Amino acid sequence: RPPNGGPPVAEIPIGLQNGVVSAAQI
């Protein structure tokens, strides 16, 4: 949840390396 209030927010790391798509290093 943001420190100043408001709705929850999910922050998901994503990547593409050597043709492999990943999210949260999965």
PDB file of all heavy atoms in Angstrom:
ATOM      1  N   ARG A   1       0.857  -1.193   0.000  1.00  0.00           N
ATOM      2  CA  ARG A   1       0.000   0.000   0.000  1.00  0.00           C
ATOM      3  C   ARG A   1       0.887   1.235   0.000  1.00  0.00           C
ATOM      4  O   ARG A   1       1.871   1.297   0.721  1.00  0.00           O
ATOM      5  CB  ARG A   1      -0.924   0.017   1.219  1.00  0.00           C
ATOM      6  CG  ARG A   1      -2.080  -0.971   1.112  1.00  0.00           C
ATOM      7  CD  ARG A   1      -3.148  -0.701   2.156  1.00  0.00           C
ATOM      8  NE  ARG A   1      -4.311  -1.563   1.956  1.00  0.00           N
ATOM      9  CZ  ARG A   1      -5.329  -1.285   1.151  1.00  0.00           C
ATOM     10  NH1 ARG A   1      -5.332  -0.151   0.485  1.00  0.00           N
ATOM     11  NH2 ARG A   1      -6.339  -2.115   1.029  1.00  0.00           N
ATOM     12  N   PRO A   2       0.552   2.236  -0.819  1.00  0.00           N
ATOM     13  CA  PRO A   2       1.358   3.458  -0.867  1.00  0.00           C
ATOM     14  C   PRO A   2       1.436   4.117   0.505  1.00  0.00           C
ATOM     15  O   PRO A   2       0.466   4.087   1.274  1.00  0.00           O
ATOM     16  CB  PRO A   2       0.615   4.339  -1.873  1.00  0.00           C
ATOM     17  CG  PRO A   2      -0.192   3.386  -2.698  1.00  0.00           C
ATOM     18  CD  PRO A   2      -0.560   2.263  -1.783  1.00  0.00           C
ATOM     19  N   PRO A   3       2.588   4.726   0.851  1.00  0.00           N
ATOM     20  CA  PRO A   3       2.739   5.368   2.163  1.00  0.00           C
ATOM     21  C   PRO A   3       1.723   6.478   2.401  1.00  0.00           C
ATOM     22  O   PRO A   3       1.316   6.709   3.545  1.00  0.00           O
ATOM     23  CB  PRO A   3       4.171   5.933   2.111  1.00  0.00           C
ATOM     24  CG  PRO A   3       4.873   5.147   1.058  1.00  0.00           C
ATOM     25  CD  PRO A   3       3.821   4.782   0.066  1.00  0.00           C
ATOM     26  N   ASN A   4       1.307   7.167   1.348  1.00  0.00           N
ATOM     27  CA  ASN A   4       0.352   8.261   1.505  1.00  0.00           C
ATOM     28  C   ASN A   4      -1.097   7.803   1.342  1.00  0.00           C
ATOM     29  O   ASN A   4      -1.994   8.609   1.154  1.00  0.00           O
ATOM     30  CB  ASN A   4       0.658   9.376   0.507  1.00  0.00           C
ATOM     31  CG  ASN A   4       0.676   8.872  -0.930  1.00  0.00           C
ATOM     32  OD1 ASN A   4       0.617   7.670  -1.158  1.00  0.00           O
ATOM     33  ND2 ASN A   4       0.758   9.789  -1.883  1.00  0.00           N
ATOM     34  N   GLY A   5      -1.324   6.503   1.404  1.00  0.00           N
ATOM     35  CA  GLY A   5      -2.667   5.975   1.285  1.00  0.00           C
ATOM     36  C   GLY A   5      -3.035   5.652  -0.149  1.00  0.00           C
ATOM     37  O   GLY A   5      -2.250   5.857  -1.073  1.00  0.00           O
ATOM     38  N   GLY A   6      -4.217   5.115  -0.336  1.00  0.00           N
ATOM     39  CA  GLY A   6      -4.666   4.743  -1.670  1.00  0.00           C
ATOM     40  C   GLY A   6      -4.751   3.241  -1.822  1.00  0.00           C
ATOM     41  O   GLY A   6      -4.411   2.468  -0.904  1.00  0.00           O
ATOM     42  N   PRO A   7      -5.188   2.761  -2.977  1.00  0.00           N
ATOM     43  CA  PRO A   7      -5.360   1.325  -3.203  1.00  0.00           C
ATOM     44  C   PRO A   7      -4.018   0.601  -3.260  1.00  0.00           C
ATOM     45  O   PRO A   7      -2.972   1.211  -3.536  1.00  0.00           O
ATOM     46  CB  PRO A   7      -6.079   1.277  -4.558  1.00  0.00           C
ATOM     47  CG  PRO A   7      -5.717   2.557  -5.226  1.00  0.00           C
ATOM     48  CD  PRO A   7      -5.587   3.562  -4.133  1.00  0.00           C
ATOM     49  N   PRO A   8      -4.020  -0.707  -3.011  1.00  0.00           N
ATOM     50  CA  PRO A   8      -2.771  -1.470  -3.062  1.00  0.00           C
ATOM     51  C   PRO A   8      -2.206  -1.529  -4.479  1.00  0.00           C
ATOM     52  O   PRO A   8      -2.946  -1.494  -5.462  1.00  0.00           O
ATOM     53  CB  PRO A   8      -3.183  -2.854  -2.559  1.00  0.00           C
ATOM     54  CG  PRO A   8      -4.652  -2.944  -2.843  1.00  0.00           C
ATOM     55  CD  PRO A   8      -5.177  -1.552  -2.680  1.00  0.00           C
ATOM     56  N   VAL A   9      -0.871  -1.643  -4.567  1.00  0.00           N
ATOM     57  CA  VAL A   9      -0.177  -1.697  -5.844  1.00  0.00           C
ATOM     58  C   VAL A   9       0.821  -2.843  -5.812  1.00  0.00           C
ATOM     59  O   VAL A   9       1.621  -2.959  -4.879  1.00  0.00           O
ATOM     60  CB  VAL A   9       0.559  -0.381  -6.154  1.00  0.00           C
ATOM     61  CG1 VAL A   9       1.314  -0.489  -7.479  1.00  0.00           C
ATOM     62  CG2 VAL A   9      -0.419   0.789  -6.192  1.00  0.00           C
ATOM     63  N   ALA A  10       0.771  -3.702  -6.824  1.00  0.00           N
ATOM     64  CA  ALA A  10       1.740  -4.789  -6.966  1.00  0.00           C
ATOM     65  C   ALA A  10       2.847  -4.351  -7.908  1.00  0.00           C
ATOM     66  O   ALA A  10       2.568  -3.836  -8.999  1.00  0.00           O
ATOM     67  CB  ALA A  10       1.063  -6.046  -7.496  1.00  0.00           C
ATOM     68  N   GLU A  11       4.104  -4.509  -7.497  1.00  0.00           N
ATOM     69  CA  GLU A  11       5.269  -4.177  -8.318  1.00  0.00           C
ATOM     70  C   GLU A  11       5.956  -5.487  -8.700  1.00  0.00           C
ATOM     71  O   GLU A  11       6.539  -6.165  -7.851  1.00  0.00           O
ATOM     72  CB  GLU A  11       6.227  -3.266  -7.553  1.00  0.00           C
ATOM     73  CG  GLU A  11       5.628  -1.935  -7.139  1.00  0.00           C
ATOM     74  CD  GLU A  11       5.625  -0.931  -8.283  1.00  0.00           C
ATOM     75  OE1 GLU A  11       6.256  -1.222  -9.321  1.00  0.00           O
ATOM     76  OE2 GLU A  11       4.990   0.125  -8.145  1.00  0.00           O
ATOM     77  N   ILE A  12       5.885  -5.849  -9.981  1.00  0.00           N
ATOM     78  CA  ILE A  12       6.358  -7.152 -10.455  1.00  0.00           C
ATOM     79  C   ILE A  12       7.540  -6.954 -11.396  1.00  0.00           C
ATOM     80  O   ILE A  12       7.376  -6.401 -12.490  1.00  0.00           O
ATOM     81  CB  ILE A  12       5.233  -7.915 -11.170  1.00  0.00           C
ATOM     82  CG1 ILE A  12       3.984  -7.995 -10.283  1.00  0.00           C
ATOM     83  CG2 ILE A  12       5.700  -9.304 -11.582  1.00  0.00           C
ATOM     84  CD1 ILE A  12       2.754  -8.501 -10.995  1.00  0.00           C
ATOM     85  N   PRO A  13       8.743  -7.386 -11.008  1.00  0.00           N
ATOM     86  CA  PRO A  13       9.881  -7.287 -11.942  1.00  0.00           C
ATOM     87  C   PRO A  13       9.673  -8.244 -13.130  1.00  0.00           C
ATOM     88  O   PRO A  13       9.268  -9.394 -12.958  1.00  0.00           O
ATOM     89  CB  PRO A  13      11.080  -7.732 -11.085  1.00  0.00           C
ATOM     90  CG  PRO A  13      10.619  -7.657  -9.675  1.00  0.00           C
ATOM     91  CD  PRO A  13       9.142  -7.914  -9.702  1.00  0.00           C
ATOM     92  N   ILE A  14       9.933  -7.760 -14.331  1.00  0.00           N
ATOM     93  CA  ILE A  14       9.819  -8.595 -15.523  1.00  0.00           C
ATOM     94  C   ILE A  14      11.111  -8.493 -16.330  1.00  0.00           C
ATOM     95  O   ILE A  14      11.890  -7.544 -16.178  1.00  0.00           O
ATOM     96  CB  ILE A  14       8.615  -8.176 -16.397  1.00  0.00           C
ATOM     97  CG1 ILE A  14       8.803  -6.749 -16.912  1.00  0.00           C
ATOM     98  CG2 ILE A  14       7.309  -8.325 -15.645  1.00  0.00           C
ATOM     99  CD1 ILE A  14       7.798  -6.348 -17.965  1.00  0.00           C
ATOM    100  N   GLY A  15      11.352  -9.488 -17.170  1.00  0.00           N
ATOM    101  CA  GLY A  15      12.565  -9.469 -17.972  1.00  0.00           C
ATOM    102  C   GLY A  15      12.458 -10.353 -19.199  1.00  0.00           C
ATOM    103  O   GLY A  15      11.577 -11.216 -19.295  1.00  0.00           O
ATOM    104  N   LEU A  16      13.340 -10.109 -20.148  1.00  0.00           N
ATOM    105  CA  LEU A  16      13.481 -10.939 -21.342  1.00  0.00           C
ATOM    106  C   LEU A  16      14.972 -11.061 -21.623  1.00  0.00           C
ATOM    107  O   LEU A  16      15.635 -10.060 -21.896  1.00  0.00           O
ATOM    108  CB  LEU A  16      12.754 -10.314 -22.535  1.00  0.00           C
ATOM    109  CG  LEU A  16      12.995 -10.971 -23.900  1.00  0.00           C
ATOM    110  CD1 LEU A  16      12.539 -12.422 -23.897  1.00  0.00           C
ATOM    111  CD2 LEU A  16      12.288 -10.179 -25.004  1.00  0.00           C
ATOM    112  N   GLN A  17      15.484 -12.263 -21.537  1.00  0.00           N
ATOM    113  CA  GLN A  17      16.909 -12.500 -21.751  1.00  0.00           C
ATOM    114  C   GLN A  17      17.087 -13.834 -22.448  1.00  0.00           C
ATOM    115  O   GLN A  17      16.526 -14.850 -22.022  1.00  0.00           O
ATOM    116  CB  GLN A  17      17.659 -12.508 -20.409  1.00  0.00           C
ATOM    117  CG  GLN A  17      19.168 -12.449 -20.525  1.00  0.00           C
ATOM    118  CD  GLN A  17      19.677 -11.069 -20.943  1.00  0.00           C
ATOM    119  OE1 GLN A  17      19.079 -10.071 -20.602  1.00  0.00           O
ATOM    120  NE2 GLN A  17      20.762 -11.036 -21.689  1.00  0.00           N
ATOM    121  N   ASN A  18      17.849 -13.815 -23.563  1.00  0.00           N
ATOM    122  CA  ASN A  18      18.082 -15.044 -24.336  1.00  0.00           C
ATOM    123  C   ASN A  18      16.772 -15.720 -24.743  1.00  0.00           C
ATOM    124  O   ASN A  18      16.668 -16.953 -24.779  1.00  0.00           O
ATOM    125  CB  ASN A  18      18.952 -16.017 -23.544  1.00  0.00           C
ATOM    126  CG  ASN A  18      20.331 -15.454 -23.254  1.00  0.00           C
ATOM    127  OD1 ASN A  18      20.914 -14.771 -24.094  1.00  0.00           O
ATOM    128  ND2 ASN A  18      20.845 -15.720 -22.059  1.00  0.00           N
ATOM    129  N   GLY A  19      15.756 -14.908 -25.015  1.00  0.00           N
ATOM    130  CA  GLY A  19      14.480 -15.427 -25.474  1.00  0.00           C
ATOM    131  C   GLY A  19      13.551 -15.903 -24.383  1.00  0.00           C
ATOM    132  O   GLY A  19      12.434 -16.341 -24.674  1.00  0.00           O
ATOM    133  N   VAL A  20      13.981 -15.846 -23.107  1.00  0.00           N
ATOM    134  CA  VAL A  20      13.163 -16.338 -21.995  1.00  0.00           C
ATOM    135  C   VAL A  20      12.479 -15.170 -21.295  1.00  0.00           C
ATOM    136  O   VAL A  20      13.148 -14.225 -20.850  1.00  0.00           O
ATOM    137  CB  VAL A  20      14.018 -17.126 -20.983  1.00  0.00           C
ATOM    138  CG1 VAL A  20      13.162 -17.578 -19.803  1.00  0.00           C
ATOM    139  CG2 VAL A  20      14.659 -18.332 -21.652  1.00  0.00           C
ATOM    140  N   VAL A  21      11.141 -15.224 -21.211  1.00  0.00           N
ATOM    141  CA  VAL A  21      10.361 -14.208 -20.504  1.00  0.00           C
ATOM    142  C   VAL A  21      10.214 -14.635 -19.056  1.00  0.00           C
ATOM    143  O   VAL A  21       9.852 -15.789 -18.766  1.00  0.00           O
ATOM    144  CB  VAL A  21       8.971 -14.040 -21.138  1.00  0.00           C
ATOM    145  CG1 VAL A  21       8.166 -12.994 -20.383  1.00  0.00           C
ATOM    146  CG2 VAL A  21       9.091 -13.668 -22.605  1.00  0.00           C
ATOM    147  N   SER A  22      10.489 -13.707 -18.132  1.00  0.00           N
ATOM    148  CA  SER A  22      10.393 -14.027 -16.708  1.00  0.00           C
ATOM    149  C   SER A  22       9.617 -12.945 -15.982  1.00  0.00           C
ATOM    150  O   SER A  22       9.563 -11.794 -16.417  1.00  0.00           O
ATOM    151  CB  SER A  22      11.787 -14.155 -16.094  1.00  0.00           C
ATOM    152  OG  SER A  22      12.487 -12.925 -16.184  1.00  0.00           O
ATOM    153  N   ALA A  23       8.994 -13.324 -14.862  1.00  0.00           N
ATOM    154  CA  ALA A  23       8.311 -12.401 -13.964  1.00  0.00           C
ATOM    155  C   ALA A  23       8.718 -12.752 -12.548  1.00  0.00           C
ATOM    156  O   ALA A  23       8.623 -13.925 -12.148  1.00  0.00           O
ATOM    157  CB  ALA A  23       6.794 -12.495 -14.125  1.00  0.00           C
ATOM    158  N   ALA A  24       9.201 -11.759 -11.803  1.00  0.00           N
ATOM    159  CA  ALA A  24       9.712 -11.987 -10.451  1.00  0.00           C
ATOM    160  C   ALA A  24      10.770 -13.086 -10.457  1.00  0.00           C
ATOM    161  O   ALA A  24      10.802 -13.943  -9.571  1.00  0.00           O
ATOM    162  CB  ALA A  24       8.582 -12.325  -9.489  1.00  0.00           C
ATOM    163  N   GLN A  25      11.616 -13.081 -11.508  1.00  0.00           N
ATOM    164  CA  GLN A  25      12.725 -14.022 -11.699  1.00  0.00           C
ATOM    165  C   GLN A  25      12.256 -15.466 -11.909  1.00  0.00           C
ATOM    166  O   GLN A  25      13.052 -16.397 -11.798  1.00  0.00           O
ATOM    167  CB  GLN A  25      13.696 -13.946 -10.511  1.00  0.00           C
ATOM    168  CG  GLN A  25      14.323 -12.573 -10.335  1.00  0.00           C
ATOM    169  CD  GLN A  25      15.320 -12.523  -9.207  1.00  0.00           C
ATOM    170  OE1 GLN A  25      15.339 -13.380  -8.330  1.00  0.00           O
ATOM    171  NE2 GLN A  25      16.160 -11.498  -9.223  1.00  0.00           N
ATOM    172  N   ILE A  26      10.996 -15.657 -12.227  1.00  0.00           N
ATOM    173  CA  ILE A  26      10.458 -16.987 -12.508  1.00  0.00           C
ATOM    174  C   ILE A  26      10.261 -17.107 -14.015  1.00  0.00           C
ATOM    175  O   ILE A  26       9.511 -16.327 -14.615  1.00  0.00           O
ATOM    176  CB  ILE A  26       9.111 -17.216 -11.790  1.00  0.00           C
ATOM    177  CG1 ILE A  26       9.296 -17.081 -10.281  1.00  0.00           C
ATOM    178  CG2 ILE A  26       8.529 -18.576 -12.148  1.00  0.00           C
ATOM    179  CD1 ILE A  26       7.995 -17.134  -9.511  1.00  0.00           C
TER     180      ILE A  26
END
